């Protein structure tokens, strides 16, 4: 598809895939992390 359209399709797929992976980890593991670390999770433990 050439440089422009090829890049656009790659960007779209990579972004969607990354957001899926991020959301999945957040949904499955976020509650567990908060349960383990409590308030420390949001005050610099992970940056």
ModelCIF file with pLDDT and N, C-alpha, C, O atoms, coordinates in Angstrom:
data_MODEL
#
_entry.id   MODEL 
#
_entity.id                         1 
_entity.type                       polymer 
_entity.pdbx_number_of_molecules   1 
#
_entity_poly.entity_id                      1 
_entity_poly.type                           'polypeptide(L)' 
_entity_poly.nstd_linkage                   no 
_entity_poly.nstd_monomer                   no 
_entity_poly.pdbx_seq_one_letter_code       
;(UNK)(UNK)(UNK)(UNK)(UNK)(UNK)(UNK)(UNK)(UNK)(UNK)(UNK)(UNK)(UNK)(UNK)(UNK)(UNK)
(UNK)(UNK)(UNK)(UNK)(UNK)(UNK)(UNK)(UNK)(UNK)(UNK)(UNK)(UNK)(UNK)(UNK)(UNK)(UNK)
(UNK)(UNK)(UNK)(UNK)(UNK)(UNK)(UNK)(UNK)(UNK)(UNK)(UNK)(UNK)(UNK)(UNK)(UNK)
;
_entity_poly.pdbx_seq_one_letter_code_can   XXXXXXXXXXXXXXXXXXXXXXXXXXXXXXXXXXXXXXXXXXXXXXX 
_entity_poly.pdbx_strand_id                 A 
#
loop_
_entity_poly_seq.entity_id 
_entity_poly_seq.num 
_entity_poly_seq.mon_id 
_entity_poly_seq.hetero 
1 1  UNK n 
1 2  UNK n 
1 3  UNK n 
1 4  UNK n 
1 5  UNK n 
1 6  UNK n 
1 7  UNK n 
1 8  UNK n 
1 9  UNK n 
1 10 UNK n 
1 11 UNK n 
1 12 UNK n 
1 13 UNK n 
1 14 UNK n 
1 15 UNK n 
1 16 UNK n 
1 17 UNK n 
1 18 UNK n 
1 19 UNK n 
1 20 UNK n 
1 21 UNK n 
1 22 UNK n 
1 23 UNK n 
1 24 UNK n 
1 25 UNK n 
1 26 UNK n 
1 27 UNK n 
1 28 UNK n 
1 29 UNK n 
1 30 UNK n 
1 31 UNK n 
1 32 UNK n 
1 33 UNK n 
1 34 UNK n 
1 35 UNK n 
1 36 UNK n 
1 37 UNK n 
1 38 UNK n 
1 39 UNK n 
1 40 UNK n 
1 41 UNK n 
1 42 UNK n 
1 43 UNK n 
1 44 UNK n 
1 45 UNK n 
1 46 UNK n 
1 47 UNK n 
#
_struct_asym.id          A 
_struct_asym.entity_id   1 
#
loop_
_ma_qa_metric.id 
_ma_qa_metric.mode 
_ma_qa_metric.name 
_ma_qa_metric.software_group_id 
_ma_qa_metric.type 
1 global pLDDT . pLDDT 
2 local  pLDDT . pLDDT 
#
_ma_qa_metric_global.metric_id      1 
_ma_qa_metric_global.metric_value   74.38 
_ma_qa_metric_global.model_id       1 
_ma_qa_metric_global.ordinal_id     1 
#
loop_
_ma_qa_metric_local.label_asym_id 
_ma_qa_metric_local.label_comp_id 
_ma_qa_metric_local.label_seq_id 
_ma_qa_metric_local.metric_id 
_ma_qa_metric_local.metric_value 
_ma_qa_metric_local.model_id 
_ma_qa_metric_local.ordinal_id 
A UNK 1  2 90.00 1 1  
A UNK 2  2 85.00 1 2  
A UNK 3  2 82.00 1 3  
A UNK 4  2 88.00 1 4  
A UNK 5  2 91.00 1 5  
A UNK 6  2 90.00 1 6  
A UNK 7  2 92.00 1 7  
A UNK 8  2 94.00 1 8  
A UNK 9  2 94.00 1 9  
A UNK 10 2 93.00 1 10 
A UNK 11 2 94.00 1 11 
A UNK 12 2 95.00 1 12 
A UNK 13 2 95.00 1 13 
A UNK 14 2 94.00 1 14 
A UNK 15 2 95.00 1 15 
A UNK 16 2 95.00 1 16 
A UNK 17 2 93.00 1 17 
A UNK 18 2 94.00 1 18 
A UNK 19 2 95.00 1 19 
A UNK 20 2 91.00 1 20 
A UNK 21 2 89.00 1 21 
A UNK 22 2 92.00 1 22 
A UNK 23 2 89.00 1 23 
A UNK 24 2 85.00 1 24 
A UNK 25 2 84.00 1 25 
A UNK 26 2 85.00 1 26 
A UNK 27 2 82.00 1 27 
A UNK 28 2 77.00 1 28 
A UNK 29 2 72.00 1 29 
A UNK 30 2 61.00 1 30 
A UNK 31 2 60.00 1 31 
A UNK 32 2 56.00 1 32 
A UNK 33 2 51.00 1 33 
A UNK 34 2 53.00 1 34 
A UNK 35 2 55.00 1 35 
A UNK 36 2 48.00 1 36 
A UNK 37 2 46.00 1 37 
A UNK 38 2 50.00 1 38 
A UNK 39 2 49.00 1 39 
A UNK 40 2 46.00 1 40 
A UNK 41 2 46.00 1 41 
A UNK 42 2 46.00 1 42 
A UNK 43 2 42.00 1 43 
A UNK 44 2 43.00 1 44 
A UNK 45 2 42.00 1 45 
A UNK 46 2 50.00 1 46 
A UNK 47 2 57.00 1 47 
#
loop_
_atom_site.group_PDB 
_atom_site.id 
_atom_site.type_symbol 
_atom_site.label_atom_id 
_atom_site.label_alt_id 
_atom_site.label_comp_id 
_atom_site.label_asym_id 
_atom_site.label_entity_id 
_atom_site.label_seq_id 
_atom_site.pdbx_PDB_ins_code 
_atom_site.Cartn_x 
_atom_site.Cartn_y 
_atom_site.Cartn_z 
_atom_site.occupancy 
_atom_site.B_iso_or_equiv 
_atom_site.pdbx_formal_charge 
_atom_site.auth_seq_id 
_atom_site.auth_comp_id 
_atom_site.auth_asym_id 
_atom_site.auth_atom_id 
_atom_site.pdbx_PDB_model_num 
ATOM 1   N N  . UNK A 1 1  ? 0.796  -1.235 0.000  1.00 90.00 ? 1  UNK A N  1 
ATOM 2   C CA . UNK A 1 1  ? 0.000  0.000  0.000  1.00 90.00 ? 1  UNK A CA 1 
ATOM 3   C C  . UNK A 1 1  ? 0.826  1.281  0.000  1.00 90.00 ? 1  UNK A C  1 
ATOM 4   O O  . UNK A 1 1  ? 0.269  2.377  0.057  1.00 90.00 ? 1  UNK A O  1 
ATOM 5   N N  . UNK A 1 2  ? 2.149  1.150  -0.063 1.00 85.00 ? 2  UNK A N  1 
ATOM 6   C CA . UNK A 1 2  ? 2.976  2.348  -0.097 1.00 85.00 ? 2  UNK A CA 1 
ATOM 7   C C  . UNK A 1 2  ? 3.301  2.858  1.295  1.00 85.00 ? 2  UNK A C  1 
ATOM 8   O O  . UNK A 1 2  ? 2.847  2.313  2.301  1.00 85.00 ? 2  UNK A O  1 
ATOM 9   N N  . UNK A 1 3  ? 4.099  3.918  1.328  1.00 82.00 ? 3  UNK A N  1 
ATOM 10  C CA . UNK A 1 3  ? 4.613  4.427  2.596  1.00 82.00 ? 3  UNK A CA 1 
ATOM 11  C C  . UNK A 1 3  ? 3.506  4.987  3.491  1.00 82.00 ? 3  UNK A C  1 
ATOM 12  O O  . UNK A 1 3  ? 3.447  4.672  4.680  1.00 82.00 ? 3  UNK A O  1 
ATOM 13  N N  . UNK A 1 4  ? 2.642  5.805  2.929  1.00 88.00 ? 4  UNK A N  1 
ATOM 14  C CA . UNK A 1 4  ? 1.648  6.518  3.737  1.00 88.00 ? 4  UNK A CA 1 
ATOM 15  C C  . UNK A 1 4  ? 0.565  5.582  4.244  1.00 88.00 ? 4  UNK A C  1 
ATOM 16  O O  . UNK A 1 4  ? 0.363  5.459  5.452  1.00 88.00 ? 4  UNK A O  1 
ATOM 17  N N  . UNK A 1 5  ? -0.137 4.919  3.325  1.00 91.00 ? 5  UNK A N  1 
ATOM 18  C CA . UNK A 1 5  ? -1.234 4.049  3.733  1.00 91.00 ? 5  UNK A CA 1 
ATOM 19  C C  . UNK A 1 5  ? -0.713 2.819  4.476  1.00 91.00 ? 5  UNK A C  1 
ATOM 20  O O  . UNK A 1 5  ? -1.340 2.353  5.427  1.00 91.00 ? 5  UNK A O  1 
ATOM 21  N N  . UNK A 1 6  ? 0.425  2.300  4.045  1.00 90.00 ? 6  UNK A N  1 
ATOM 22  C CA . UNK A 1 6  ? 1.007  1.163  4.755  1.00 90.00 ? 6  UNK A CA 1 
ATOM 23  C C  . UNK A 1 6  ? 1.316  1.510  6.199  1.00 90.00 ? 6  UNK A C  1 
ATOM 24  O O  . UNK A 1 6  ? 1.032  0.735  7.111  1.00 90.00 ? 6  UNK A O  1 
ATOM 25  N N  . UNK A 1 7  ? 1.908  2.695  6.398  1.00 92.00 ? 7  UNK A N  1 
ATOM 26  C CA . UNK A 1 7  ? 2.210  3.148  7.756  1.00 92.00 ? 7  UNK A CA 1 
ATOM 27  C C  . UNK A 1 7  ? 0.932  3.323  8.567  1.00 92.00 ? 7  UNK A C  1 
ATOM 28  O O  . UNK A 1 7  ? 0.885  2.942  9.737  1.00 92.00 ? 7  UNK A O  1 
ATOM 29  N N  . UNK A 1 8  ? -0.099 3.891  7.962  1.00 94.00 ? 8  UNK A N  1 
ATOM 30  C CA . UNK A 1 8  ? -1.362 4.115  8.664  1.00 94.00 ? 8  UNK A CA 1 
ATOM 31  C C  . UNK A 1 8  ? -1.976 2.803  9.142  1.00 94.00 ? 8  UNK A C  1 
ATOM 32  O O  . UNK A 1 8  ? -2.439 2.712  10.280 1.00 94.00 ? 8  UNK A O  1 
ATOM 33  N N  . UNK A 1 9  ? -1.983 1.793  8.286  1.00 94.00 ? 9  UNK A N  1 
ATOM 34  C CA . UNK A 1 9  ? -2.556 0.503  8.670  1.00 94.00 ? 9  UNK A CA 1 
ATOM 35  C C  . UNK A 1 9  ? -1.732 -0.154 9.778  1.00 94.00 ? 9  UNK A C  1 
ATOM 36  O O  . UNK A 1 9  ? -2.289 -0.748 10.701 1.00 94.00 ? 9  UNK A O  1 
ATOM 37  N N  . UNK A 1 10 ? -0.420 -0.046 9.685  1.00 93.00 ? 10 UNK A N  1 
ATOM 38  C CA . UNK A 1 10 ? 0.457  -0.621 10.719 1.00 93.00 ? 10 UNK A CA 1 
ATOM 39  C C  . UNK A 1 10 ? 0.245  0.091  12.051 1.00 93.00 ? 10 UNK A C  1 
ATOM 40  O O  . UNK A 1 10 ? 0.139  -0.545 13.099 1.00 93.00 ? 10 UNK A O  1 
ATOM 41  N N  . UNK A 1 11 ? 0.185  1.420  11.995 1.00 94.00 ? 11 UNK A N  1 
ATOM 42  C CA . UNK A 1 11 ? -0.041 2.195  13.218 1.00 94.00 ? 11 UNK A CA 1 
ATOM 43  C C  . UNK A 1 11 ? -1.364 1.821  13.875 1.00 94.00 ? 11 UNK A C  1 
ATOM 44  O O  . UNK A 1 11 ? -1.434 1.635  15.090 1.00 94.00 ? 11 UNK A O  1 
ATOM 45  N N  . UNK A 1 12 ? -2.405 1.714  13.066 1.00 95.00 ? 12 UNK A N  1 
ATOM 46  C CA . UNK A 1 12 ? -3.720 1.406  13.605 1.00 95.00 ? 12 UNK A CA 1 
ATOM 47  C C  . UNK A 1 12 ? -3.735 0.032  14.275 1.00 95.00 ? 12 UNK A C  1 
ATOM 48  O O  . UNK A 1 12 ? -4.265 -0.125 15.375 1.00 95.00 ? 12 UNK A O  1 
ATOM 49  N N  . UNK A 1 13 ? -3.153 -0.954 13.609 1.00 95.00 ? 13 UNK A N  1 
ATOM 50  C CA . UNK A 1 13 ? -3.119 -2.290 14.191 1.00 95.00 ? 13 UNK A CA 1 
ATOM 51  C C  . UNK A 1 13 ? -2.278 -2.370 15.445 1.00 95.00 ? 13 UNK A C  1 
ATOM 52  O O  . UNK A 1 13 ? -2.672 -3.006 16.422 1.00 95.00 ? 13 UNK A O  1 
ATOM 53  N N  . UNK A 1 14 ? -1.101 -1.720 15.426 1.00 94.00 ? 14 UNK A N  1 
ATOM 54  C CA . UNK A 1 14 ? -0.221 -1.752 16.591 1.00 94.00 ? 14 UNK A CA 1 
ATOM 55  C C  . UNK A 1 14 ? -0.848 -1.028 17.777 1.00 94.00 ? 14 UNK A C  1 
ATOM 56  O O  . UNK A 1 14 ? -0.740 -1.485 18.915 1.00 94.00 ? 14 UNK A O  1 
ATOM 57  N N  . UNK A 1 15 ? -1.501 0.095  17.514 1.00 95.00 ? 15 UNK A N  1 
ATOM 58  C CA . UNK A 1 15 ? -2.125 0.853  18.599 1.00 95.00 ? 15 UNK A CA 1 
ATOM 59  C C  . UNK A 1 15 ? -3.285 0.066  19.211 1.00 95.00 ? 15 UNK A C  1 
ATOM 60  O O  . UNK A 1 15 ? -3.410 -0.002 20.434 1.00 95.00 ? 15 UNK A O  1 
ATOM 61  N N  . UNK A 1 16 ? -4.122 -0.522 18.378 1.00 95.00 ? 16 UNK A N  1 
ATOM 62  C CA . UNK A 1 16 ? -5.248 -1.312 18.887 1.00 95.00 ? 16 UNK A CA 1 
ATOM 63  C C  . UNK A 1 16 ? -4.736 -2.501 19.689 1.00 95.00 ? 16 UNK A C  1 
ATOM 64  O O  . UNK A 1 16 ? -5.250 -2.793 20.769 1.00 95.00 ? 16 UNK A O  1 
ATOM 65  N N  . UNK A 1 17 ? -3.727 -3.188 19.164 1.00 93.00 ? 17 UNK A N  1 
ATOM 66  C CA . UNK A 1 17 ? -3.164 -4.331 19.875 1.00 93.00 ? 17 UNK A CA 1 
ATOM 67  C C  . UNK A 1 17 ? -2.576 -3.941 21.216 1.00 93.00 ? 17 UNK A C  1 
ATOM 68  O O  . UNK A 1 17 ? -2.768 -4.643 22.210 1.00 93.00 ? 17 UNK A O  1 
ATOM 69  N N  . UNK A 1 18 ? -1.853 -2.815 21.251 1.00 94.00 ? 18 UNK A N  1 
ATOM 70  C CA . UNK A 1 18 ? -1.264 -2.348 22.499 1.00 94.00 ? 18 UNK A CA 1 
ATOM 71  C C  . UNK A 1 18 ? -2.335 -1.990 23.522 1.00 94.00 ? 18 UNK A C  1 
ATOM 72  O O  . UNK A 1 18 ? -2.197 -2.298 24.705 1.00 94.00 ? 18 UNK A O  1 
ATOM 73  N N  . UNK A 1 19 ? -3.404 -1.338 23.063 1.00 95.00 ? 19 UNK A N  1 
ATOM 74  C CA . UNK A 1 19 ? -4.487 -0.958 23.978 1.00 95.00 ? 19 UNK A CA 1 
ATOM 75  C C  . UNK A 1 19 ? -5.228 -2.183 24.496 1.00 95.00 ? 19 UNK A C  1 
ATOM 76  O O  . UNK A 1 19 ? -5.647 -2.208 25.653 1.00 95.00 ? 19 UNK A O  1 
ATOM 77  N N  . UNK A 1 20 ? -5.392 -3.191 23.660 1.00 91.00 ? 20 UNK A N  1 
ATOM 78  C CA . UNK A 1 20 ? -5.995 -4.441 24.112 1.00 91.00 ? 20 UNK A CA 1 
ATOM 79  C C  . UNK A 1 20 ? -5.140 -5.085 25.207 1.00 91.00 ? 20 UNK A C  1 
ATOM 80  O O  . UNK A 1 20 ? -5.654 -5.490 26.250 1.00 91.00 ? 20 UNK A O  1 
ATOM 81  N N  . UNK A 1 21 ? -3.829 -5.172 24.956 1.00 89.00 ? 21 UNK A N  1 
ATOM 82  C CA . UNK A 1 21 ? -2.928 -5.789 25.930 1.00 89.00 ? 21 UNK A CA 1 
ATOM 83  C C  . UNK A 1 21 ? -2.913 -4.991 27.230 1.00 89.00 ? 21 UNK A C  1 
ATOM 84  O O  . UNK A 1 21 ? -2.963 -5.565 28.318 1.00 89.00 ? 21 UNK A O  1 
ATOM 85  N N  . UNK A 1 22 ? -2.843 -3.669 27.116 1.00 92.00 ? 22 UNK A N  1 
ATOM 86  C CA . UNK A 1 22 ? -2.845 -2.803 28.299 1.00 92.00 ? 22 UNK A CA 1 
ATOM 87  C C  . UNK A 1 22 ? -4.144 -2.974 29.090 1.00 92.00 ? 22 UNK A C  1 
ATOM 88  O O  . UNK A 1 22 ? -4.120 -3.148 30.309 1.00 92.00 ? 22 UNK A O  1 
ATOM 89  N N  . UNK A 1 23 ? -5.282 -2.923 28.381 1.00 89.00 ? 23 UNK A N  1 
ATOM 90  C CA . UNK A 1 23 ? -6.567 -3.054 29.054 1.00 89.00 ? 23 UNK A CA 1 
ATOM 91  C C  . UNK A 1 23 ? -6.759 -4.411 29.691 1.00 89.00 ? 23 UNK A C  1 
ATOM 92  O O  . UNK A 1 23 ? -7.334 -4.523 30.774 1.00 89.00 ? 23 UNK A O  1 
ATOM 93  N N  . UNK A 1 24 ? -6.281 -5.436 29.024 1.00 85.00 ? 24 UNK A N  1 
ATOM 94  C CA . UNK A 1 24 ? -6.400 -6.786 29.581 1.00 85.00 ? 24 UNK A CA 1 
ATOM 95  C C  . UNK A 1 24 ? -5.596 -6.923 30.867 1.00 85.00 ? 24 UNK A C  1 
ATOM 96  O O  . UNK A 1 24 ? -6.086 -7.460 31.861 1.00 85.00 ? 24 UNK A O  1 
ATOM 97  N N  . UNK A 1 25 ? -4.359 -6.434 30.841 1.00 84.00 ? 25 UNK A N  1 
ATOM 98  C CA . UNK A 1 25 ? -3.534 -6.503 32.042 1.00 84.00 ? 25 UNK A CA 1 
ATOM 99  C C  . UNK A 1 25 ? -4.125 -5.659 33.165 1.00 84.00 ? 25 UNK A C  1 
ATOM 100 O O  . UNK A 1 25 ? -4.085 -6.058 34.329 1.00 84.00 ? 25 UNK A O  1 
ATOM 101 N N  . UNK A 1 26 ? -4.669 -4.503 32.826 1.00 85.00 ? 26 UNK A N  1 
ATOM 102 C CA . UNK A 1 26 ? -5.278 -3.633 33.828 1.00 85.00 ? 26 UNK A CA 1 
ATOM 103 C C  . UNK A 1 26 ? -6.508 -4.309 34.444 1.00 85.00 ? 26 UNK A C  1 
ATOM 104 O O  . UNK A 1 26 ? -6.709 -4.248 35.657 1.00 85.00 ? 26 UNK A O  1 
ATOM 105 N N  . UNK A 1 27 ? -7.320 -4.946 33.614 1.00 82.00 ? 27 UNK A N  1 
ATOM 106 C CA . UNK A 1 27 ? -8.547 -5.588 34.092 1.00 82.00 ? 27 UNK A CA 1 
ATOM 107 C C  . UNK A 1 27 ? -8.245 -6.803 34.954 1.00 82.00 ? 27 UNK A C  1 
ATOM 108 O O  . UNK A 1 27 ? -8.891 -7.022 35.978 1.00 82.00 ? 27 UNK A O  1 
ATOM 109 N N  . UNK A 1 28 ? -7.250 -7.600 34.532 1.00 77.00 ? 28 UNK A N  1 
ATOM 110 C CA . UNK A 1 28 ? -6.956 -8.831 35.251 1.00 77.00 ? 28 UNK A CA 1 
ATOM 111 C C  . UNK A 1 28 ? -6.035 -8.608 36.447 1.00 77.00 ? 28 UNK A C  1 
ATOM 112 O O  . UNK A 1 28 ? -6.174 -9.266 37.478 1.00 77.00 ? 28 UNK A O  1 
ATOM 113 N N  . UNK A 1 29 ? -5.089 -7.673 36.302 1.00 72.00 ? 29 UNK A N  1 
ATOM 114 C CA . UNK A 1 29 ? -4.078 -7.546 37.333 1.00 72.00 ? 29 UNK A CA 1 
ATOM 115 C C  . UNK A 1 29 ? -4.134 -6.297 38.168 1.00 72.00 ? 29 UNK A C  1 
ATOM 116 O O  . UNK A 1 29 ? -3.516 -6.248 39.232 1.00 72.00 ? 29 UNK A O  1 
ATOM 117 N N  . UNK A 1 30 ? -4.863 -5.268 37.722 1.00 61.00 ? 30 UNK A N  1 
ATOM 118 C CA . UNK A 1 30 ? -4.878 -4.011 38.465 1.00 61.00 ? 30 UNK A CA 1 
ATOM 119 C C  . UNK A 1 30 ? -5.410 -4.162 39.869 1.00 61.00 ? 30 UNK A C  1 
ATOM 120 O O  . UNK A 1 30 ? -4.842 -3.613 40.814 1.00 61.00 ? 30 UNK A O  1 
ATOM 121 N N  . UNK A 1 31 ? -6.502 -4.906 40.018 1.00 60.00 ? 31 UNK A N  1 
ATOM 122 C CA . UNK A 1 31 ? -7.089 -5.091 41.348 1.00 60.00 ? 31 UNK A CA 1 
ATOM 123 C C  . UNK A 1 31 ? -6.151 -5.857 42.258 1.00 60.00 ? 31 UNK A C  1 
ATOM 124 O O  . UNK A 1 31 ? -6.049 -5.555 43.447 1.00 60.00 ? 31 UNK A O  1 
ATOM 125 N N  . UNK A 1 32 ? -5.462 -6.854 41.703 1.00 56.00 ? 32 UNK A N  1 
ATOM 126 C CA . UNK A 1 32 ? -4.513 -7.627 42.503 1.00 56.00 ? 32 UNK A CA 1 
ATOM 127 C C  . UNK A 1 32 ? -3.357 -6.763 42.966 1.00 56.00 ? 32 UNK A C  1 
ATOM 128 O O  . UNK A 1 32 ? -2.928 -6.856 44.116 1.00 56.00 ? 32 UNK A O  1 
ATOM 129 N N  . UNK A 1 33 ? -2.844 -5.911 42.064 1.00 51.00 ? 33 UNK A N  1 
ATOM 130 C CA . UNK A 1 33 ? -1.747 -5.021 42.436 1.00 51.00 ? 33 UNK A CA 1 
ATOM 131 C C  . UNK A 1 33 ? -2.170 -4.064 43.542 1.00 51.00 ? 33 UNK A C  1 
ATOM 132 O O  . UNK A 1 33 ? -1.419 -3.842 44.492 1.00 51.00 ? 33 UNK A O  1 
ATOM 133 N N  . UNK A 1 34 ? -3.354 -3.504 43.427 1.00 53.00 ? 34 UNK A N  1 
ATOM 134 C CA . UNK A 1 34 ? -3.835 -2.590 44.473 1.00 53.00 ? 34 UNK A CA 1 
ATOM 135 C C  . UNK A 1 34 ? -4.031 -3.323 45.792 1.00 53.00 ? 34 UNK A C  1 
ATOM 136 O O  . UNK A 1 34 ? -3.805 -2.754 46.859 1.00 53.00 ? 34 UNK A O  1 
ATOM 137 N N  . UNK A 1 35 ? -4.448 -4.574 45.725 1.00 55.00 ? 35 UNK A N  1 
ATOM 138 C CA . UNK A 1 35 ? -4.639 -5.349 46.942 1.00 55.00 ? 35 UNK A CA 1 
ATOM 139 C C  . UNK A 1 35 ? -3.311 -5.626 47.629 1.00 55.00 ? 35 UNK A C  1 
ATOM 140 O O  . UNK A 1 35 ? -3.232 -5.643 48.857 1.00 55.00 ? 35 UNK A O  1 
ATOM 141 N N  . UNK A 1 36 ? -2.265 -5.844 46.832 1.00 48.00 ? 36 UNK A N  1 
ATOM 142 C CA . UNK A 1 36 ? -0.955 -6.113 47.396 1.00 48.00 ? 36 UNK A CA 1 
ATOM 143 C C  . UNK A 1 36 ? -0.293 -4.868 47.967 1.00 48.00 ? 36 UNK A C  1 
ATOM 144 O O  . UNK A 1 36 ? 0.260  -4.901 49.066 1.00 48.00 ? 36 UNK A O  1 
ATOM 145 N N  . UNK A 1 37 ? -0.350 -3.762 47.213 1.00 46.00 ? 37 UNK A N  1 
ATOM 146 C CA . UNK A 1 37 ? 0.426  -2.577 47.572 1.00 46.00 ? 37 UNK A CA 1 
ATOM 147 C C  . UNK A 1 37 ? -0.387 -1.444 48.166 1.00 46.00 ? 37 UNK A C  1 
ATOM 148 O O  . UNK A 1 37 ? 0.182  -0.520 48.747 1.00 46.00 ? 37 UNK A O  1 
ATOM 149 N N  . UNK A 1 38 ? -1.693 -1.491 48.036 1.00 50.00 ? 38 UNK A N  1 
ATOM 150 C CA . UNK A 1 38 ? -2.538 -0.465 48.633 1.00 50.00 ? 38 UNK A CA 1 
ATOM 151 C C  . UNK A 1 38 ? -2.234 0.914  48.097 1.00 50.00 ? 38 UNK A C  1 
ATOM 152 O O  . UNK A 1 38 ? -2.052 1.088  46.892 1.00 50.00 ? 38 UNK A O  1 
ATOM 153 N N  . UNK A 1 39 ? -2.175 1.910  48.991 1.00 49.00 ? 39 UNK A N  1 
ATOM 154 C CA . UNK A 1 39 ? -1.959 3.298  48.575 1.00 49.00 ? 39 UNK A CA 1 
ATOM 155 C C  . UNK A 1 39 ? -0.577 3.531  47.993 1.00 49.00 ? 39 UNK A C  1 
ATOM 156 O O  . UNK A 1 39 ? -0.371 4.488  47.246 1.00 49.00 ? 39 UNK A O  1 
ATOM 157 N N  . UNK A 1 40 ? 0.367  2.670  48.325 1.00 46.00 ? 40 UNK A N  1 
ATOM 158 C CA . UNK A 1 40 ? 1.722  2.863  47.813 1.00 46.00 ? 40 UNK A CA 1 
ATOM 159 C C  . UNK A 1 40 ? 1.775  2.776  46.293 1.00 46.00 ? 40 UNK A C  1 
ATOM 160 O O  . UNK A 1 40 ? 2.694  3.309  45.672 1.00 46.00 ? 40 UNK A O  1 
ATOM 161 N N  . UNK A 1 41 ? 0.795  2.107  45.692 1.00 46.00 ? 41 UNK A N  1 
ATOM 162 C CA . UNK A 1 41 ? 0.786  1.956  44.243 1.00 46.00 ? 41 UNK A CA 1 
ATOM 163 C C  . UNK A 1 41 ? 0.719  3.294  43.527 1.00 46.00 ? 41 UNK A C  1 
ATOM 164 O O  . UNK A 1 41 ? 1.238  3.430  42.418 1.00 46.00 ? 41 UNK A O  1 
ATOM 165 N N  . UNK A 1 42 ? 0.091  4.276  44.144 1.00 46.00 ? 42 UNK A N  1 
ATOM 166 C CA . UNK A 1 42 ? -0.105 5.566  43.479 1.00 46.00 ? 42 UNK A CA 1 
ATOM 167 C C  . UNK A 1 42 ? 0.807  6.661  44.021 1.00 46.00 ? 42 UNK A C  1 
ATOM 168 O O  . UNK A 1 42 ? 0.649  7.825  43.653 1.00 46.00 ? 42 UNK A O  1 
ATOM 169 N N  . UNK A 1 43 ? 1.747  6.318  44.877 1.00 42.00 ? 43 UNK A N  1 
ATOM 170 C CA . UNK A 1 43 ? 2.623  7.354  45.449 1.00 42.00 ? 43 UNK A CA 1 
ATOM 171 C C  . UNK A 1 43 ? 4.089  7.062  45.165 1.00 42.00 ? 43 UNK A C  1 
ATOM 172 O O  . UNK A 1 43 ? 4.957  7.365  45.984 1.00 42.00 ? 43 UNK A O  1 
ATOM 173 N N  . UNK A 1 44 ? 4.366  6.472  44.000 1.00 43.00 ? 44 UNK A N  1 
ATOM 174 C CA . UNK A 1 44 ? 5.752  6.374  43.568 1.00 43.00 ? 44 UNK A CA 1 
ATOM 175 C C  . UNK A 1 44 ? 6.326  4.982  43.534 1.00 43.00 ? 44 UNK A C  1 
ATOM 176 O O  . UNK A 1 44 ? 7.456  4.810  43.078 1.00 43.00 ? 44 UNK A O  1 
ATOM 177 N N  . UNK A 1 45 ? 5.596  3.963  43.998 1.00 42.00 ? 45 UNK A N  1 
ATOM 178 C CA . UNK A 1 45 ? 6.151  2.622  43.997 1.00 42.00 ? 45 UNK A CA 1 
ATOM 179 C C  . UNK A 1 45 ? 6.501  2.179  42.580 1.00 42.00 ? 45 UNK A C  1 
ATOM 180 O O  . UNK A 1 45 ? 7.549  1.574  42.354 1.00 42.00 ? 45 UNK A O  1 
ATOM 181 N N  . UNK A 1 46 ? 5.629  2.479  41.635 1.00 50.00 ? 46 UNK A N  1 
ATOM 182 C CA . UNK A 1 46 ? 5.862  2.090  40.249 1.00 50.00 ? 46 UNK A CA 1 
ATOM 183 C C  . UNK A 1 46 ? 6.130  3.290  39.350 1.00 50.00 ? 46 UNK A C  1 
ATOM 184 O O  . UNK A 1 46 ? 6.075  3.186  38.124 1.00 50.00 ? 46 UNK A O  1 
ATOM 185 N N  . UNK A 1 47 ? 6.419  4.423  39.968 1.00 57.00 ? 47 UNK A N  1 
ATOM 186 C CA . UNK A 1 47 ? 6.771  5.592  39.182 1.00 57.00 ? 47 UNK A CA 1 
ATOM 187 C C  . UNK A 1 47 ? 5.613  6.549  38.997 1.00 57.00 ? 47 UNK A C  1 
ATOM 188 O O  . UNK A 1 47 ? 5.766  7.586  38.351 1.00 57.00 ? 47 UNK A O  1 
#
